[in-house]
Amino acid sequence: IFQDFVRYDMKADENIAVYRGLVQAGHRITVAHNPQDVSDAVRQRSFDVVIAGIDALDAISPALASGSASPRVLPVIGRSQRNAPEVRDRFAGFVLDDASLNQYLKQINRLLGN
């Protein structure tokens, strides 16, 4: 199933292997380097999933609310945050900041109900 993602990532070069794997799996990725990039992207078209560091979500929430459709959010968290109630209670899924491609794919599929 083709999915369209926007990934807010200020250090995109570190995650290039995951991005390539997602593209090879049939997904389209738009990498945003700042909150304005996210805002511009969601105004131009709808996305199925927004992937962003949990610490960046407050900065991009207004952009997500202004889009034509509400994408699902897949936060990227630090290992120390994985058992935090505020993470587990707020989000249906998440990936760790050192997650593999398979972990991304698993969480994306779970998030989208595939």
N, C-alpha and C. Protein backbone atom coordinates (compact mmCIF):
# COMPACT_ATOMS: atom_id res chain seq x y z
N ILE A 1 0.85 -1.18 0.00
CA ILE A 1 0.00 0.00 0.00
C ILE A 1 0.89 1.23 0.00
N PHE A 2 0.65 2.13 -0.92
CA PHE A 2 1.42 3.37 -1.03
C PHE A 2 0.97 4.33 0.06
N GLN A 3 1.91 4.87 0.78
CA GLN A 3 1.61 5.86 1.82
C GLN A 3 2.49 7.08 1.57
N ASP A 4 2.01 8.22 1.99
CA ASP A 4 2.70 9.48 1.80
C ASP A 4 3.04 10.05 3.18
N PHE A 5 4.33 10.28 3.44
CA PHE A 5 4.79 10.74 4.75
C PHE A 5 5.50 12.07 4.65
N VAL A 6 5.43 12.82 5.72
CA VAL A 6 6.33 13.95 5.90
C VAL A 6 7.13 13.65 7.16
N ARG A 7 8.42 13.85 7.08
CA ARG A 7 9.31 13.59 8.22
C ARG A 7 10.00 14.88 8.58
N TYR A 8 9.72 15.38 9.78
CA TYR A 8 10.39 16.57 10.29
C TYR A 8 11.69 16.10 10.92
N ASP A 9 12.81 16.47 10.32
CA ASP A 9 14.09 15.94 10.74
C ASP A 9 15.18 16.96 10.48
N MET A 10 15.72 17.51 11.55
CA MET A 10 16.78 18.50 11.40
C MET A 10 18.13 17.85 11.11
N LYS A 11 18.21 16.52 11.29
CA LYS A 11 19.46 15.78 11.02
C LYS A 11 19.17 14.67 10.02
N ALA A 12 18.60 15.03 8.89
CA ALA A 12 18.15 14.04 7.91
C ALA A 12 19.27 13.16 7.40
N ASP A 13 20.48 13.69 7.31
CA ASP A 13 21.60 12.90 6.80
C ASP A 13 21.85 11.64 7.63
N GLU A 14 21.53 11.69 8.92
CA GLU A 14 21.75 10.55 9.79
C GLU A 14 20.74 9.42 9.55
N ASN A 15 19.63 9.74 8.91
CA ASN A 15 18.55 8.77 8.72
C ASN A 15 18.34 8.37 7.27
N ILE A 16 19.29 8.66 6.42
CA ILE A 16 19.12 8.43 4.98
C ILE A 16 18.84 6.97 4.65
N ALA A 17 19.46 6.04 5.37
CA ALA A 17 19.23 4.62 5.08
C ALA A 17 17.77 4.23 5.35
N VAL A 18 17.20 4.75 6.42
CA VAL A 18 15.78 4.47 6.71
C VAL A 18 14.90 5.08 5.63
N TYR A 19 15.19 6.30 5.22
CA TYR A 19 14.39 6.95 4.17
C TYR A 19 14.46 6.16 2.87
N ARG A 20 15.65 5.75 2.49
CA ARG A 20 15.78 4.95 1.26
C ARG A 20 14.97 3.67 1.36
N GLY A 21 15.02 3.02 2.52
CA GLY A 21 14.25 1.79 2.71
C GLY A 21 12.76 2.02 2.62
N LEU A 22 12.27 3.12 3.18
CA LEU A 22 10.85 3.44 3.10
C LEU A 22 10.44 3.69 1.65
N VAL A 23 11.28 4.38 0.91
CA VAL A 23 10.99 4.63 -0.52
C VAL A 23 10.99 3.31 -1.28
N GLN A 24 11.96 2.45 -1.01
CA GLN A 24 12.02 1.14 -1.68
C GLN A 24 10.81 0.29 -1.33
N ALA A 25 10.22 0.51 -0.15
CA ALA A 25 9.02 -0.23 0.25
C ALA A 25 7.77 0.37 -0.39
N GLY A 26 7.93 1.43 -1.18
CA GLY A 26 6.80 1.99 -1.91
C GLY A 26 6.20 3.24 -1.32
N HIS A 27 6.85 3.83 -0.33
CA HIS A 27 6.33 5.03 0.30
C HIS A 27 6.98 6.27 -0.29
N ARG A 28 6.29 7.37 -0.18
CA ARG A 28 6.84 8.66 -0.61
C ARG A 28 7.14 9.48 0.64
N ILE A 29 8.35 10.01 0.72
CA ILE A 29 8.81 10.76 1.89
C ILE A 29 9.10 12.20 1.50
N THR A 30 8.60 13.12 2.27
CA THR A 30 8.97 14.52 2.17
C THR A 30 9.71 14.85 3.45
N VAL A 31 10.95 15.31 3.35
CA VAL A 31 11.73 15.65 4.54
C VAL A 31 11.62 17.15 4.76
N ALA A 32 11.18 17.52 5.95
CA ALA A 32 11.06 18.92 6.34
C ALA A 32 12.15 19.22 7.37
N HIS A 33 12.84 20.31 7.19
CA HIS A 33 13.97 20.63 8.08
C HIS A 33 13.62 21.62 9.17
N ASN A 34 12.42 22.19 9.13
CA ASN A 34 12.00 23.13 10.17
C ASN A 34 10.47 23.17 10.17
N PRO A 35 9.87 23.77 11.21
CA PRO A 35 8.40 23.81 11.28
C PRO A 35 7.75 24.48 10.07
N GLN A 36 8.39 25.48 9.49
CA GLN A 36 7.82 26.13 8.30
C GLN A 36 7.76 25.16 7.12
N ASP A 37 8.77 24.33 6.96
CA ASP A 37 8.74 23.31 5.91
C ASP A 37 7.55 22.36 6.10
N VAL A 38 7.29 21.99 7.35
CA VAL A 38 6.14 21.11 7.64
C VAL A 38 4.86 21.82 7.25
N SER A 39 4.73 23.06 7.67
CA SER A 39 3.54 23.85 7.36
C SER A 39 3.32 23.96 5.86
N ASP A 40 4.38 24.27 5.12
CA ASP A 40 4.28 24.38 3.66
C ASP A 40 3.87 23.05 3.04
N ALA A 41 4.44 21.97 3.52
CA ALA A 41 4.15 20.65 2.95
C ALA A 41 2.69 20.26 3.17
N VAL A 42 2.16 20.44 4.39
CA VAL A 42 0.78 20.01 4.65
C VAL A 42 -0.24 20.93 4.00
N ARG A 43 0.16 22.14 3.67
CA ARG A 43 -0.74 23.02 2.91
C ARG A 43 -0.81 22.61 1.45
N GLN A 44 0.28 22.05 0.92
CA GLN A 44 0.34 21.70 -0.49
C GLN A 44 -0.36 20.38 -0.80
N ARG A 45 -0.34 19.45 0.13
CA ARG A 45 -1.04 18.17 -0.09
C ARG A 45 -1.23 17.46 1.24
N SER A 46 -2.05 16.44 1.21
CA SER A 46 -2.30 15.70 2.45
C SER A 46 -1.29 14.57 2.61
N PHE A 47 -1.03 14.22 3.84
CA PHE A 47 -0.10 13.16 4.18
C PHE A 47 -0.80 12.14 5.07
N ASP A 48 -0.39 10.89 4.94
CA ASP A 48 -0.95 9.84 5.78
C ASP A 48 -0.34 9.86 7.17
N VAL A 49 0.97 10.12 7.23
CA VAL A 49 1.70 10.07 8.48
C VAL A 49 2.71 11.20 8.54
N VAL A 50 2.84 11.78 9.72
CA VAL A 50 3.92 12.73 10.00
C VAL A 50 4.82 12.06 11.03
N ILE A 51 6.09 11.96 10.71
CA ILE A 51 7.08 11.37 11.59
C ILE A 51 7.94 12.52 12.12
N ALA A 52 8.02 12.65 13.44
CA ALA A 52 8.78 13.76 14.01
C ALA A 52 9.26 13.40 15.41
N GLY A 53 10.36 14.00 15.80
CA GLY A 53 10.83 13.83 17.17
C GLY A 53 9.78 14.34 18.13
N ILE A 54 9.62 13.64 19.24
CA ILE A 54 8.57 14.01 20.19
C ILE A 54 8.76 15.43 20.70
N ASP A 55 10.00 15.89 20.81
CA ASP A 55 10.26 17.24 21.28
C ASP A 55 9.87 18.30 20.26
N ALA A 56 9.68 17.92 19.01
CA ALA A 56 9.32 18.87 17.96
C ALA A 56 7.82 18.95 17.73
N LEU A 57 7.06 18.08 18.34
CA LEU A 57 5.63 18.03 18.03
C LEU A 57 4.89 19.31 18.39
N ASP A 58 5.25 19.94 19.49
CA ASP A 58 4.57 21.19 19.85
C ASP A 58 4.81 22.27 18.79
N ALA A 59 6.01 22.28 18.22
CA ALA A 59 6.35 23.28 17.21
C ALA A 59 5.59 23.06 15.91
N ILE A 60 5.28 21.81 15.58
CA ILE A 60 4.61 21.55 14.29
C ILE A 60 3.11 21.30 14.43
N SER A 61 2.60 21.23 15.64
CA SER A 61 1.15 20.98 15.83
C SER A 61 0.27 21.99 15.11
N PRO A 62 0.58 23.31 15.16
CA PRO A 62 -0.26 24.26 14.41
C PRO A 62 -0.29 23.96 12.91
N ALA A 63 0.84 23.56 12.36
CA ALA A 63 0.89 23.23 10.94
C ALA A 63 0.02 22.03 10.63
N LEU A 64 0.05 21.03 11.50
CA LEU A 64 -0.76 19.83 11.27
C LEU A 64 -2.24 20.14 11.36
N ALA A 65 -2.61 21.01 12.27
CA ALA A 65 -4.02 21.39 12.42
C ALA A 65 -4.52 22.21 11.25
N SER A 66 -3.61 22.90 10.55
CA SER A 66 -4.03 23.77 9.45
C SER A 66 -4.17 23.03 8.13
N GLY A 67 -3.71 21.80 8.06
CA GLY A 67 -3.79 21.02 6.82
C GLY A 67 -5.20 20.59 6.51
N SER A 68 -5.42 20.15 5.28
CA SER A 68 -6.76 19.74 4.86
C SER A 68 -7.19 18.41 5.49
N ALA A 69 -6.25 17.57 5.82
CA ALA A 69 -6.56 16.29 6.47
C ALA A 69 -5.63 16.15 7.68
N SER A 70 -6.07 15.44 8.66
CA SER A 70 -5.25 15.24 9.86
C SER A 70 -4.44 13.97 9.72
N PRO A 71 -3.15 14.11 9.47
CA PRO A 71 -2.32 12.90 9.37
C PRO A 71 -2.10 12.27 10.73
N ARG A 72 -1.82 10.99 10.72
CA ARG A 72 -1.45 10.32 11.96
C ARG A 72 -0.01 10.73 12.29
N VAL A 73 0.29 10.75 13.56
CA VAL A 73 1.61 11.18 14.01
C VAL A 73 2.37 9.99 14.57
N LEU A 74 3.58 9.80 14.08
CA LEU A 74 4.48 8.76 14.59
C LEU A 74 5.67 9.48 15.22
N PRO A 75 5.69 9.57 16.56
CA PRO A 75 6.80 10.26 17.20
C PRO A 75 8.05 9.40 17.26
N VAL A 76 9.17 10.07 17.19
CA VAL A 76 10.47 9.43 17.38
C VAL A 76 10.94 9.84 18.77
N ILE A 77 11.24 8.86 19.60
CA ILE A 77 11.58 9.16 21.00
C ILE A 77 12.94 8.59 21.36
N GLY A 78 13.49 9.11 22.43
CA GLY A 78 14.73 8.57 22.98
C GLY A 78 14.43 7.29 23.76
N ARG A 79 15.41 6.46 23.87
CA ARG A 79 15.24 5.18 24.58
C ARG A 79 14.73 5.39 26.01
N SER A 80 15.17 6.43 26.67
CA SER A 80 14.75 6.67 28.05
C SER A 80 13.29 7.08 28.16
N GLN A 81 12.67 7.48 27.06
CA GLN A 81 11.28 7.93 27.08
C GLN A 81 10.27 6.81 26.79
N ARG A 82 10.73 5.64 26.41
CA ARG A 82 9.82 4.61 25.90
C ARG A 82 8.80 4.10 26.91
N ASN A 83 9.08 4.20 28.19
CA ASN A 83 8.12 3.74 29.20
C ASN A 83 7.39 4.88 29.89
N ALA A 84 7.60 6.09 29.43
CA ALA A 84 6.96 7.26 30.04
C ALA A 84 5.46 7.23 29.78
N PRO A 85 4.65 7.39 30.83
CA PRO A 85 3.19 7.37 30.64
C PRO A 85 2.70 8.42 29.65
N GLU A 86 3.32 9.59 29.62
CA GLU A 86 2.86 10.64 28.70
C GLU A 86 3.07 10.25 27.24
N VAL A 87 4.02 9.37 26.98
CA VAL A 87 4.23 8.87 25.62
C VAL A 87 3.24 7.75 25.33
N ARG A 88 3.16 6.78 26.20
CA ARG A 88 2.28 5.62 25.99
C ARG A 88 0.81 6.01 25.97
N ASP A 89 0.41 7.00 26.78
CA ASP A 89 -0.99 7.42 26.84
C ASP A 89 -1.39 8.31 25.67
N ARG A 90 -0.44 9.04 25.12
CA ARG A 90 -0.75 10.03 24.08
C ARG A 90 -0.69 9.47 22.66
N PHE A 91 0.16 8.46 22.43
CA PHE A 91 0.40 8.00 21.07
C PHE A 91 0.10 6.52 20.92
N ALA A 92 -0.46 6.16 19.76
CA ALA A 92 -0.77 4.76 19.46
C ALA A 92 0.49 3.95 19.20
N GLY A 93 1.54 4.60 18.77
CA GLY A 93 2.81 3.94 18.49
C GLY A 93 3.91 4.95 18.43
N PHE A 94 5.13 4.48 18.43
CA PHE A 94 6.29 5.35 18.34
C PHE A 94 7.48 4.51 17.88
N VAL A 95 8.53 5.18 17.46
CA VAL A 95 9.79 4.50 17.14
C VAL A 95 10.89 5.16 17.97
N LEU A 96 11.89 4.37 18.29
CA LEU A 96 13.04 4.89 19.02
C LEU A 96 13.95 5.63 18.04
N ASP A 97 14.74 6.54 18.56
CA ASP A 97 15.58 7.35 17.68
C ASP A 97 16.65 6.56 16.95
N ASP A 98 16.89 5.32 17.37
CA ASP A 98 17.84 4.46 16.66
C ASP A 98 17.14 3.28 15.98
N ALA A 99 15.86 3.47 15.66
CA ALA A 99 15.04 2.39 15.09
C ALA A 99 15.54 1.96 13.72
N SER A 100 15.35 0.68 13.45
CA SER A 100 15.69 0.13 12.14
C SER A 100 14.54 0.38 11.16
N LEU A 101 14.80 0.12 9.90
CA LEU A 101 13.76 0.24 8.88
C LEU A 101 12.58 -0.66 9.22
N ASN A 102 12.83 -1.88 9.64
CA ASN A 102 11.73 -2.80 9.97
C ASN A 102 10.88 -2.28 11.12
N GLN A 103 11.50 -1.64 12.09
CA GLN A 103 10.73 -1.07 13.19
C GLN A 103 9.85 0.09 12.71
N TYR A 104 10.39 0.91 11.81
CA TYR A 104 9.57 1.98 11.22
C TYR A 104 8.38 1.38 10.48
N LEU A 105 8.64 0.40 9.63
CA LEU A 105 7.57 -0.20 8.84
C LEU A 105 6.50 -0.84 9.73
N LYS A 106 6.92 -1.53 10.75
CA LYS A 106 5.98 -2.17 11.68
C LYS A 106 5.09 -1.13 12.35
N GLN A 107 5.68 -0.06 12.85
CA GLN A 107 4.89 0.97 13.54
C GLN A 107 3.99 1.73 12.58
N ILE A 108 4.46 2.00 11.38
CA ILE A 108 3.63 2.68 10.39
C ILE A 108 2.43 1.81 10.04
N ASN A 109 2.65 0.53 9.79
CA ASN A 109 1.55 -0.37 9.47
C ASN A 109 0.55 -0.46 10.63
N ARG A 110 1.06 -0.53 11.84
CA ARG A 110 0.18 -0.58 13.02
C ARG A 110 -0.63 0.71 13.13
N LEU A 111 0.03 1.82 12.93
CA LEU A 111 -0.62 3.12 13.04
C LEU A 111 -1.73 3.28 12.01
N LEU A 112 -1.50 2.77 10.81
CA LEU A 112 -2.48 2.90 9.72
C LEU A 112 -3.50 1.77 9.67
N GLY A 113 -3.34 0.81 10.57
CA GLY A 113 -4.30 -0.29 10.63
C GLY A 113 -4.12 -1.29 9.51
N ASN A 114 -2.93 -1.40 8.96
CA ASN A 114 -2.65 -2.37 7.88
C ASN A 114 -2.22 -3.70 8.45
